[in-house]
Amino acid sequence: MRQGTVILALGAAVSLSGCVVRTAAHVVTAPVRVVGKGVDWTTTSRDEADRNRGREMRKQEEREAKERRRQEKEQRRLAREEDR
């Protein structure tokens, strides 16, 4: 009985010491991880910048095409009115 208790106590000590060490490591590295996440949120990677620039260029081209179609439609309307 006593031998079983000793083995159980040693096993618990070993497993708990691993948990304590792991917890201590998480506590120590937490500020670094928080700062790293904040930097990720505040900075834009080159890939994200390229993607955003491409999206903005496509939107600008769409606006220009829409304006060009509107002007062409207006010119056709004016040409029809002159023919009357």
PDB file of N, CA and C in Angstrom:
ATOM      1  N   MET A   1       0.827  -1.187   0.000  1.00  0.00           N
ATOM      2  CA  MET A   1       0.000   0.000   0.000  1.00  0.00           C
ATOM      3  C   MET A   1       0.872   1.253   0.000  1.00  0.00           C
ATOM      4  N   ARG A   2       1.857   1.239   0.840  1.00  0.00           N
ATOM      5  CA  ARG A   2       2.737   2.397   0.940  1.00  0.00           C
ATOM      6  C   ARG A   2       3.511   2.576  -0.364  1.00  0.00           C
ATOM      7  N   GLN A   3       3.929   1.480  -0.976  1.00  0.00           N
ATOM      8  CA  GLN A   3       4.689   1.540  -2.222  1.00  0.00           C
ATOM      9  C   GLN A   3       3.804   2.107  -3.342  1.00  0.00           C
ATOM     10  N   GLY A   4       2.567   1.748  -3.392  1.00  0.00           N
ATOM     11  CA  GLY A   4       1.626   2.266  -4.386  1.00  0.00           C
ATOM     12  C   GLY A   4       1.408   3.757  -4.226  1.00  0.00           C
ATOM     13  N   THR A   5       1.332   4.206  -3.000  1.00  0.00           N
ATOM     14  CA  THR A   5       1.153   5.625  -2.716  1.00  0.00           C
ATOM     15  C   THR A   5       2.373   6.418  -3.150  1.00  0.00           C
ATOM     16  N   VAL A   6       3.559   5.870  -2.920  1.00  0.00           N
ATOM     17  CA  VAL A   6       4.799   6.539  -3.307  1.00  0.00           C
ATOM     18  C   VAL A   6       4.876   6.651  -4.827  1.00  0.00           C
ATOM     19  N   ILE A   7       4.563   5.577  -5.522  1.00  0.00           N
ATOM     20  CA  ILE A   7       4.598   5.589  -6.989  1.00  0.00           C
ATOM     21  C   ILE A   7       3.581   6.581  -7.527  1.00  0.00           C
ATOM     22  N   LEU A   8       2.405   6.583  -6.942  1.00  0.00           N
ATOM     23  CA  LEU A   8       1.365   7.525  -7.362  1.00  0.00           C
ATOM     24  C   LEU A   8       1.808   8.964  -7.111  1.00  0.00           C
ATOM     25  N   ALA A   9       2.437   9.210  -5.984  1.00  0.00           N
ATOM     26  CA  ALA A   9       2.902  10.555  -5.656  1.00  0.00           C
ATOM     27  C   ALA A   9       4.006  10.993  -6.620  1.00  0.00           C
ATOM     28  N   LEU A  10       4.929  10.085  -6.933  1.00  0.00           N
ATOM     29  CA  LEU A  10       5.998  10.414  -7.886  1.00  0.00           C
ATOM     30  C   LEU A  10       5.433  10.672  -9.282  1.00  0.00           C
ATOM     31  N   GLY A  11       4.500   9.858  -9.688  1.00  0.00           N
ATOM     32  CA  GLY A  11       3.873  10.054 -10.998  1.00  0.00           C
ATOM     33  C   GLY A  11       3.141  11.383 -11.081  1.00  0.00           C
ATOM     34  N   ALA A  12       2.445  11.721 -10.010  1.00  0.00           N
ATOM     35  CA  ALA A  12       1.735  12.997  -9.979  1.00  0.00           C
ATOM     36  C   ALA A  12       2.713  14.158  -9.994  1.00  0.00           C
ATOM     37  N   ALA A  13       3.818  14.017  -9.263  1.00  0.00           N
ATOM     38  CA  ALA A  13       4.809  15.096  -9.223  1.00  0.00           C
ATOM     39  C   ALA A  13       5.428  15.318 -10.599  1.00  0.00           C
ATOM     40  N   VAL A  14       5.751  14.232 -11.284  1.00  0.00           N
ATOM     41  CA  VAL A  14       6.354  14.344 -12.615  1.00  0.00           C
ATOM     42  C   VAL A  14       5.359  14.956 -13.595  1.00  0.00           C
ATOM     43  N   SER A  15       4.138  14.483 -13.587  1.00  0.00           N
ATOM     44  CA  SER A  15       3.151  15.007 -14.542  1.00  0.00           C
ATOM     45  C   SER A  15       2.778  16.451 -14.214  1.00  0.00           C
ATOM     46  N   LEU A  16       2.672  16.767 -12.932  1.00  0.00           N
ATOM     47  CA  LEU A  16       2.340  18.139 -12.549  1.00  0.00           C
ATOM     48  C   LEU A  16       3.496  19.085 -12.821  1.00  0.00           C
ATOM     49  N   SER A  17       4.716  18.626 -12.648  1.00  0.00           N
ATOM     50  CA  SER A  17       5.850  19.505 -12.930  1.00  0.00           C
ATOM     51  C   SER A  17       5.884  19.850 -14.406  1.00  0.00           C
ATOM     52  N   GLY A  18       5.512  18.932 -15.262  1.00  0.00           N
ATOM     53  CA  GLY A  18       5.419  19.224 -16.694  1.00  0.00           C
ATOM     54  C   GLY A  18       4.353  20.268 -16.961  1.00  0.00           C
ATOM     55  N   CYS A  19       3.237  20.156 -16.283  1.00  0.00           N
ATOM     56  CA  CYS A  19       2.166  21.138 -16.452  1.00  0.00           C
ATOM     57  C   CYS A  19       2.604  22.508 -15.949  1.00  0.00           C
ATOM     58  N   VAL A  20       3.310  22.510 -14.822  1.00  0.00           N
ATOM     59  CA  VAL A  20       3.769  23.771 -14.250  1.00  0.00           C
ATOM     60  C   VAL A  20       4.767  24.435 -15.186  1.00  0.00           C
ATOM     61  N   VAL A  21       5.695  23.635 -15.701  1.00  0.00           N
ATOM     62  CA  VAL A  21       6.697  24.178 -16.624  1.00  0.00           C
ATOM     63  C   VAL A  21       6.012  24.692 -17.885  1.00  0.00           C
ATOM     64  N   ARG A  22       5.094  23.937 -18.414  1.00  0.00           N
ATOM     65  CA  ARG A  22       4.380  24.341 -19.622  1.00  0.00           C
ATOM     66  C   ARG A  22       3.587  25.627 -19.371  1.00  0.00           C
ATOM     67  N   THR A  23       2.925  25.703 -18.231  1.00  0.00           N
ATOM     68  CA  THR A  23       2.165  26.900 -17.879  1.00  0.00           C
ATOM     69  C   THR A  23       3.089  28.103 -17.715  1.00  0.00           C
ATOM     70  N   ALA A  24       4.223  27.889 -17.060  1.00  0.00           N
ATOM     71  CA  ALA A  24       5.180  28.979 -16.889  1.00  0.00           C
ATOM     72  C   ALA A  24       5.698  29.460 -18.245  1.00  0.00           C
ATOM     73  N   ALA A  25       5.941  28.527 -19.158  1.00  0.00           N
ATOM     74  CA  ALA A  25       6.411  28.911 -20.493  1.00  0.00           C
ATOM     75  C   ALA A  25       5.343  29.717 -21.217  1.00  0.00           C
ATOM     76  N   HIS A  26       4.089  29.334 -21.090  1.00  0.00           N
ATOM     77  CA  HIS A  26       2.999  30.090 -21.722  1.00  0.00           C
ATOM     78  C   HIS A  26       2.881  31.499 -21.133  1.00  0.00           C
ATOM     79  N   VAL A  27       3.047  31.588 -19.814  1.00  0.00           N
ATOM     80  CA  VAL A  27       2.948  32.887 -19.165  1.00  0.00           C
ATOM     81  C   VAL A  27       4.097  33.799 -19.609  1.00  0.00           C
ATOM     82  N   VAL A  28       5.283  33.236 -19.725  1.00  0.00           N
ATOM     83  CA  VAL A  28       6.446  34.032 -20.114  1.00  0.00           C
ATOM     84  C   VAL A  28       6.343  34.483 -21.568  1.00  0.00           C
ATOM     85  N   THR A  29       5.854  33.620 -22.454  1.00  0.00           N
ATOM     86  CA  THR A  29       5.810  33.957 -23.882  1.00  0.00           C
ATOM     87  C   THR A  29       4.539  34.693 -24.285  1.00  0.00           C
ATOM     88  N   ALA A  30       3.567  34.799 -23.405  1.00  0.00           N
ATOM     89  CA  ALA A  30       2.306  35.457 -23.745  1.00  0.00           C
ATOM     90  C   ALA A  30       2.494  36.900 -24.214  1.00  0.00           C
ATOM     91  N   PRO A  31       3.276  37.736 -23.529  1.00  0.00           N
ATOM     92  CA  PRO A  31       3.435  39.120 -24.004  1.00  0.00           C
ATOM     93  C   PRO A  31       4.038  39.192 -25.407  1.00  0.00           C
ATOM     94  N   VAL A  32       4.968  38.303 -25.696  1.00  0.00           N
ATOM     95  CA  VAL A  32       5.586  38.290 -27.027  1.00  0.00           C
ATOM     96  C   VAL A  32       4.550  37.927 -28.081  1.00  0.00           C
ATOM     97  N   ARG A  33       3.737  36.940 -27.781  1.00  0.00           N
ATOM     98  CA  ARG A  33       2.697  36.550 -28.732  1.00  0.00           C
ATOM     99  C   ARG A  33       1.667  37.654 -28.936  1.00  0.00           C
ATOM    100  N   VAL A  34       1.313  38.354 -27.872  1.00  0.00           N
ATOM    101  CA  VAL A  34       0.337  39.447 -27.974  1.00  0.00           C
ATOM    102  C   VAL A  34       0.901  40.577 -28.832  1.00  0.00           C
ATOM    103  N   VAL A  35       2.155  40.941 -28.593  1.00  0.00           N
ATOM    104  CA  VAL A  35       2.780  41.999 -29.395  1.00  0.00           C
ATOM    105  C   VAL A  35       2.887  41.571 -30.851  1.00  0.00           C
ATOM    106  N   GLY A  36       3.269  40.330 -31.089  1.00  0.00           N
ATOM    107  CA  GLY A  36       3.360  39.821 -32.461  1.00  0.00           C
ATOM    108  C   GLY A  36       2.020  39.885 -33.180  1.00  0.00           C
ATOM    109  N   LYS A  37       0.963  39.522 -32.493  1.00  0.00           N
ATOM    110  CA  LYS A  37      -0.381  39.572 -33.092  1.00  0.00           C
ATOM    111  C   LYS A  37      -0.777  41.010 -33.391  1.00  0.00           C
ATOM    112  N   GLY A  38      -0.437  41.921 -32.484  1.00  0.00           N
ATOM    113  CA  GLY A  38      -0.737  43.344 -32.707  1.00  0.00           C
ATOM    114  C   GLY A  38      -0.004  43.879 -33.923  1.00  0.00           C
ATOM    115  N   VAL A  39       1.241  43.481 -34.090  1.00  0.00           N
ATOM    116  CA  VAL A  39       2.013  43.917 -35.261  1.00  0.00           C
ATOM    117  C   VAL A  39       1.388  43.360 -36.532  1.00  0.00           C
ATOM    118  N   ASP A  40       0.958  42.108 -36.491  1.00  0.00           N
ATOM    119  CA  ASP A  40       0.299  41.521 -37.660  1.00  0.00           C
ATOM    120  C   ASP A  40      -0.969  42.288 -38.022  1.00  0.00           C
ATOM    121  N   TRP A  41      -1.706  42.714 -37.027  1.00  0.00           N
ATOM    122  CA  TRP A  41      -2.951  43.438 -37.287  1.00  0.00           C
ATOM    123  C   TRP A  41      -2.703  44.842 -37.828  1.00  0.00           C
ATOM    124  N   THR A  42      -1.601  45.466 -37.422  1.00  0.00           N
ATOM    125  CA  THR A  42      -1.369  46.854 -37.814  1.00  0.00           C
ATOM    126  C   THR A  42      -0.554  47.003 -39.086  1.00  0.00           C
ATOM    127  N   THR A  43       0.113  45.981 -39.522  1.00  0.00           N
ATOM    128  CA  THR A  43       0.931  46.086 -40.730  1.00  0.00           C
ATOM    129  C   THR A  43       0.270  45.338 -41.874  1.00  0.00           C
ATOM    130  N   THR A  44       0.614  45.735 -43.073  1.00  0.00           N
ATOM    131  CA  THR A  44       0.091  45.091 -44.274  1.00  0.00           C
ATOM    132  C   THR A  44       1.243  44.401 -44.985  1.00  0.00           C
ATOM    133  N   SER A  45       1.074  43.132 -45.264  1.00  0.00           N
ATOM    134  CA  SER A  45       2.130  42.410 -45.960  1.00  0.00           C
ATOM    135  C   SER A  45       2.164  42.849 -47.422  1.00  0.00           C
ATOM    136  N   ARG A  46       3.249  42.546 -48.084  1.00  0.00           N
ATOM    137  CA  ARG A  46       3.402  42.899 -49.503  1.00  0.00           C
ATOM    138  C   ARG A  46       2.300  42.230 -50.319  1.00  0.00           C
ATOM    139  N   ASP A  47       1.982  40.988 -49.992  1.00  0.00           N
ATOM    140  CA  ASP A  47       0.942  40.262 -50.709  1.00  0.00           C
ATOM    141  C   ASP A  47      -0.413  40.941 -50.539  1.00  0.00           C
ATOM    142  N   GLU A  48      -0.725  41.353 -49.309  1.00  0.00           N
ATOM    143  CA  GLU A  48      -1.990  42.049 -49.066  1.00  0.00           C
ATOM    144  C   GLU A  48      -2.030  43.392 -49.783  1.00  0.00           C
ATOM    145  N   ALA A  49      -0.908  44.093 -49.783  1.00  0.00           N
ATOM    146  CA  ALA A  49      -0.853  45.389 -50.465  1.00  0.00           C
ATOM    147  C   ALA A  49      -1.067  45.220 -51.965  1.00  0.00           C
ATOM    148  N   ASP A  50      -0.441  44.206 -52.545  1.00  0.00           N
ATOM    149  CA  ASP A  50      -0.623  43.950 -53.979  1.00  0.00           C
ATOM    150  C   ASP A  50      -2.071  43.600 -54.289  1.00  0.00           C
ATOM    151  N   ARG A  51      -2.661  42.785 -53.433  1.00  0.00           N
ATOM    152  CA  ARG A  51      -4.060  42.379 -53.645  1.00  0.00           C
ATOM    153  C   ARG A  51      -4.986  43.586 -53.541  1.00  0.00           C
ATOM    154  N   ASN A  52      -4.749  44.427 -52.543  1.00  0.00           N
ATOM    155  CA  ASN A  52      -5.586  45.621 -52.378  1.00  0.00           C
ATOM    156  C   ASN A  52      -5.406  46.586 -53.546  1.00  0.00           C
ATOM    157  N   ARG A  53      -4.170  46.750 -54.018  1.00  0.00           N
ATOM    158  CA  ARG A  53      -3.907  47.642 -55.148  1.00  0.00           C
ATOM    159  C   ARG A  53      -4.597  47.125 -56.411  1.00  0.00           C
ATOM    160  N   GLY A  54      -4.536  45.823 -56.635  1.00  0.00           N
ATOM    161  CA  GLY A  54      -5.220  45.227 -57.788  1.00  0.00           C
ATOM    162  C   GLY A  54      -6.722  45.431 -57.719  1.00  0.00           C
ATOM    163  N   ARG A  55      -7.280  45.273 -56.532  1.00  0.00           N
ATOM    164  CA  ARG A  55      -8.723  45.465 -56.351  1.00  0.00           C
ATOM    165  C   ARG A  55      -9.100  46.915 -56.651  1.00  0.00           C
ATOM    166  N   GLU A  56      -8.298  47.854 -56.150  1.00  0.00           N
ATOM    167  CA  GLU A  56      -8.582  49.274 -56.378  1.00  0.00           C
ATOM    168  C   GLU A  56      -8.466  49.615 -57.870  1.00  0.00           C
ATOM    169  N   MET A  57      -7.485  49.027 -58.548  1.00  0.00           N
ATOM    170  CA  MET A  57      -7.329  49.283 -59.989  1.00  0.00           C
ATOM    171  C   MET A  57      -8.541  48.755 -60.758  1.00  0.00           C
ATOM    172  N   ARG A  58      -9.025  47.571 -60.405  1.00  0.00           N
ATOM    173  CA  ARG A  58     -10.208  47.018 -61.075  1.00  0.00           C
ATOM    174  C   ARG A  58     -11.427  47.894 -60.849  1.00  0.00           C
ATOM    175  N   LYS A  59     -11.603  48.384 -59.619  1.00  0.00           N
ATOM    176  CA  LYS A  59     -12.744  49.258 -59.331  1.00  0.00           C
ATOM    177  C   LYS A  59     -12.649  50.551 -60.136  1.00  0.00           C
ATOM    178  N   GLN A  60     -11.440  51.108 -60.230  1.00  0.00           N
ATOM    179  CA  GLN A  60     -11.249  52.340 -61.003  1.00  0.00           C
ATOM    180  C   GLN A  60     -11.565  52.086 -62.477  1.00  0.00           C
ATOM    181  N   GLU A  61     -11.100  50.967 -63.026  1.00  0.00           N
ATOM    182  CA  GLU A  61     -11.397  50.637 -64.422  1.00  0.00           C
ATOM    183  C   GLU A  61     -12.893  50.470 -64.635  1.00  0.00           C
ATOM    184  N   GLU A  62     -13.584  49.864 -63.675  1.00  0.00           N
ATOM    185  CA  GLU A  62     -15.040  49.709 -63.778  1.00  0.00           C
ATOM    186  C   GLU A  62     -15.725  51.071 -63.777  1.00  0.00           C
ATOM    187  N   ARG A  63     -15.276  51.984 -62.893  1.00  0.00           N
ATOM    188  CA  ARG A  63     -15.869  53.323 -62.862  1.00  0.00           C
ATOM    189  C   ARG A  63     -15.634  54.042 -64.195  1.00  0.00           C
ATOM    190  N   GLU A  64     -14.423  53.927 -64.745  1.00  0.00           N
ATOM    191  CA  GLU A  64     -14.115  54.586 -66.011  1.00  0.00           C
ATOM    192  C   GLU A  64     -14.948  54.012 -67.152  1.00  0.00           C
ATOM    193  N   ALA A  65     -15.111  52.687 -67.175  1.00  0.00           N
ATOM    194  CA  ALA A  65     -15.911  52.050 -68.217  1.00  0.00           C
ATOM    195  C   ALA A  65     -17.373  52.479 -68.104  1.00  0.00           C
ATOM    196  N   LYS A  66     -17.875  52.569 -66.898  1.00  0.00           N
ATOM    197  CA  LYS A  66     -19.263  52.995 -66.688  1.00  0.00           C
ATOM    198  C   LYS A  66     -19.457  54.433 -67.170  1.00  0.00           C
ATOM    199  N   GLU A  67     -18.505  55.298 -66.840  1.00  0.00           N
ATOM    200  CA  GLU A  67     -18.582  56.696 -67.279  1.00  0.00           C
ATOM    201  C   GLU A  67     -18.497  56.792 -68.802  1.00  0.00           C
ATOM    202  N   ARG A  68     -17.610  55.985 -69.400  1.00  0.00           N
ATOM    203  CA  ARG A  68     -17.470  55.980 -70.861  1.00  0.00           C
ATOM    204  C   ARG A  68     -18.776  55.530 -71.526  1.00  0.00           C
ATOM    205  N   ARG A  69     -19.426  54.485 -70.989  1.00  0.00           N
ATOM    206  CA  ARG A  69     -20.711  54.029 -71.548  1.00  0.00           C
ATOM    207  C   ARG A  69     -21.781  55.096 -71.408  1.00  0.00           C
ATOM    208  N   ARG A  70     -21.775  55.788 -70.245  1.00  0.00           N
ATOM    209  CA  ARG A  70     -22.753  56.858 -70.038  1.00  0.00           C
ATOM    210  C   ARG A  70     -22.550  57.982 -71.054  1.00  0.00           C
ATOM    211  N   GLN A  71     -21.304  58.353 -71.294  1.00  0.00           N
ATOM    212  CA  GLN A  71     -21.022  59.412 -72.271  1.00  0.00           C
ATOM    213  C   GLN A  71     -21.412  58.984 -73.688  1.00  0.00           C
ATOM    214  N   GLU A  72     -21.108  57.728 -74.048  1.00  0.00           N
ATOM    215  CA  GLU A  72     -21.485  57.236 -75.381  1.00  0.00           C
ATOM    216  C   GLU A  72     -22.994  57.246 -75.552  1.00  0.00           C
ATOM    217  N   LYS A  73     -23.711  56.846 -74.516  1.00  0.00           N
ATOM    218  CA  LYS A  73     -25.173  56.839 -74.568  1.00  0.00           C
ATOM    219  C   LYS A  73     -25.696  58.262 -74.743  1.00  0.00           C
ATOM    220  N   GLU A  74     -25.099  59.205 -74.004  1.00  0.00           N
ATOM    221  CA  GLU A  74     -25.505  60.601 -74.107  1.00  0.00           C
ATOM    222  C   GLU A  74     -25.219  61.146 -75.509  1.00  0.00           C
ATOM    223  N   GLN A  75     -24.086  60.791 -76.091  1.00  0.00           N
ATOM    224  CA  GLN A  75     -23.752  61.241 -77.443  1.00  0.00           C
ATOM    225  C   GLN A  75     -24.724  60.676 -78.469  1.00  0.00           C
ATOM    226  N   ARG A  76     -25.104  59.403 -78.320  1.00  0.00           N
ATOM    227  CA  ARG A  76     -26.092  58.821 -79.240  1.00  0.00           C
ATOM    228  C   ARG A  76     -27.428  59.534 -79.121  1.00  0.00           C
ATOM    229  N   ARG A  77     -27.815  59.856 -77.875  1.00  0.00           N
ATOM    230  CA  ARG A  77     -29.079  60.555 -77.659  1.00  0.00           C
ATOM    231  C   ARG A  77     -29.044  61.937 -78.313  1.00  0.00           C
ATOM    232  N   LEU A  78     -27.946  62.657 -78.153  1.00  0.00           N
ATOM    233  CA  LEU A  78     -27.825  63.985 -78.763  1.00  0.00           C
ATOM    234  C   LEU A  78     -27.817  63.897 -80.279  1.00  0.00           C
ATOM    235  N   ALA A  79     -27.169  62.879 -80.824  1.00  0.00           N
ATOM    236  CA  ALA A  79     -27.137  62.693 -82.281  1.00  0.00           C
ATOM    237  C   ALA A  79     -28.551  62.426 -82.813  1.00  0.00           C
ATOM    238  N   ARG A  80     -29.336  61.649 -82.104  1.00  0.00           N
ATOM    239  CA  ARG A  80     -30.712  61.384 -82.534  1.00  0.00           C
ATOM    240  C   ARG A  80     -31.539  62.643 -82.489  1.00  0.00           C
ATOM    241  N   GLU A  81     -31.339  63.470 -81.475  1.00  0.00           N
ATOM    242  CA  GLU A  81     -32.093  64.706 -81.355  1.00  0.00           C
ATOM    243  C   GLU A  81     -31.728  65.679 -82.483  1.00  0.00           C
ATOM    244  N   GLU A  82     -30.473  65.678 -82.914  1.00  0.00           N
ATOM    245  CA  GLU A  82     -30.053  66.558 -84.016  1.00  0.00           C
ATOM    246  C   GLU A  82     -30.658  66.107 -85.342  1.00  0.00           C
ATOM    247  N   ASP A  83     -30.876  64.815 -85.503  1.00  0.00           N
ATOM    248  CA  ASP A  83     -31.445  64.279 -86.748  1.00  0.00           C
ATOM    249  C   ASP A  83     -32.923  64.619 -86.871  1.00  0.00           C
ATOM    250  N   ARG A  84     -33.587  64.967 -85.853  1.00  0.00           N
ATOM    251  CA  ARG A  84     -35.029  65.251 -85.907  1.00  0.00           C
ATOM    252  C   ARG A  84     -35.317  66.574 -86.461  1.00  0.00           C
TER     253      ARG A  84
END
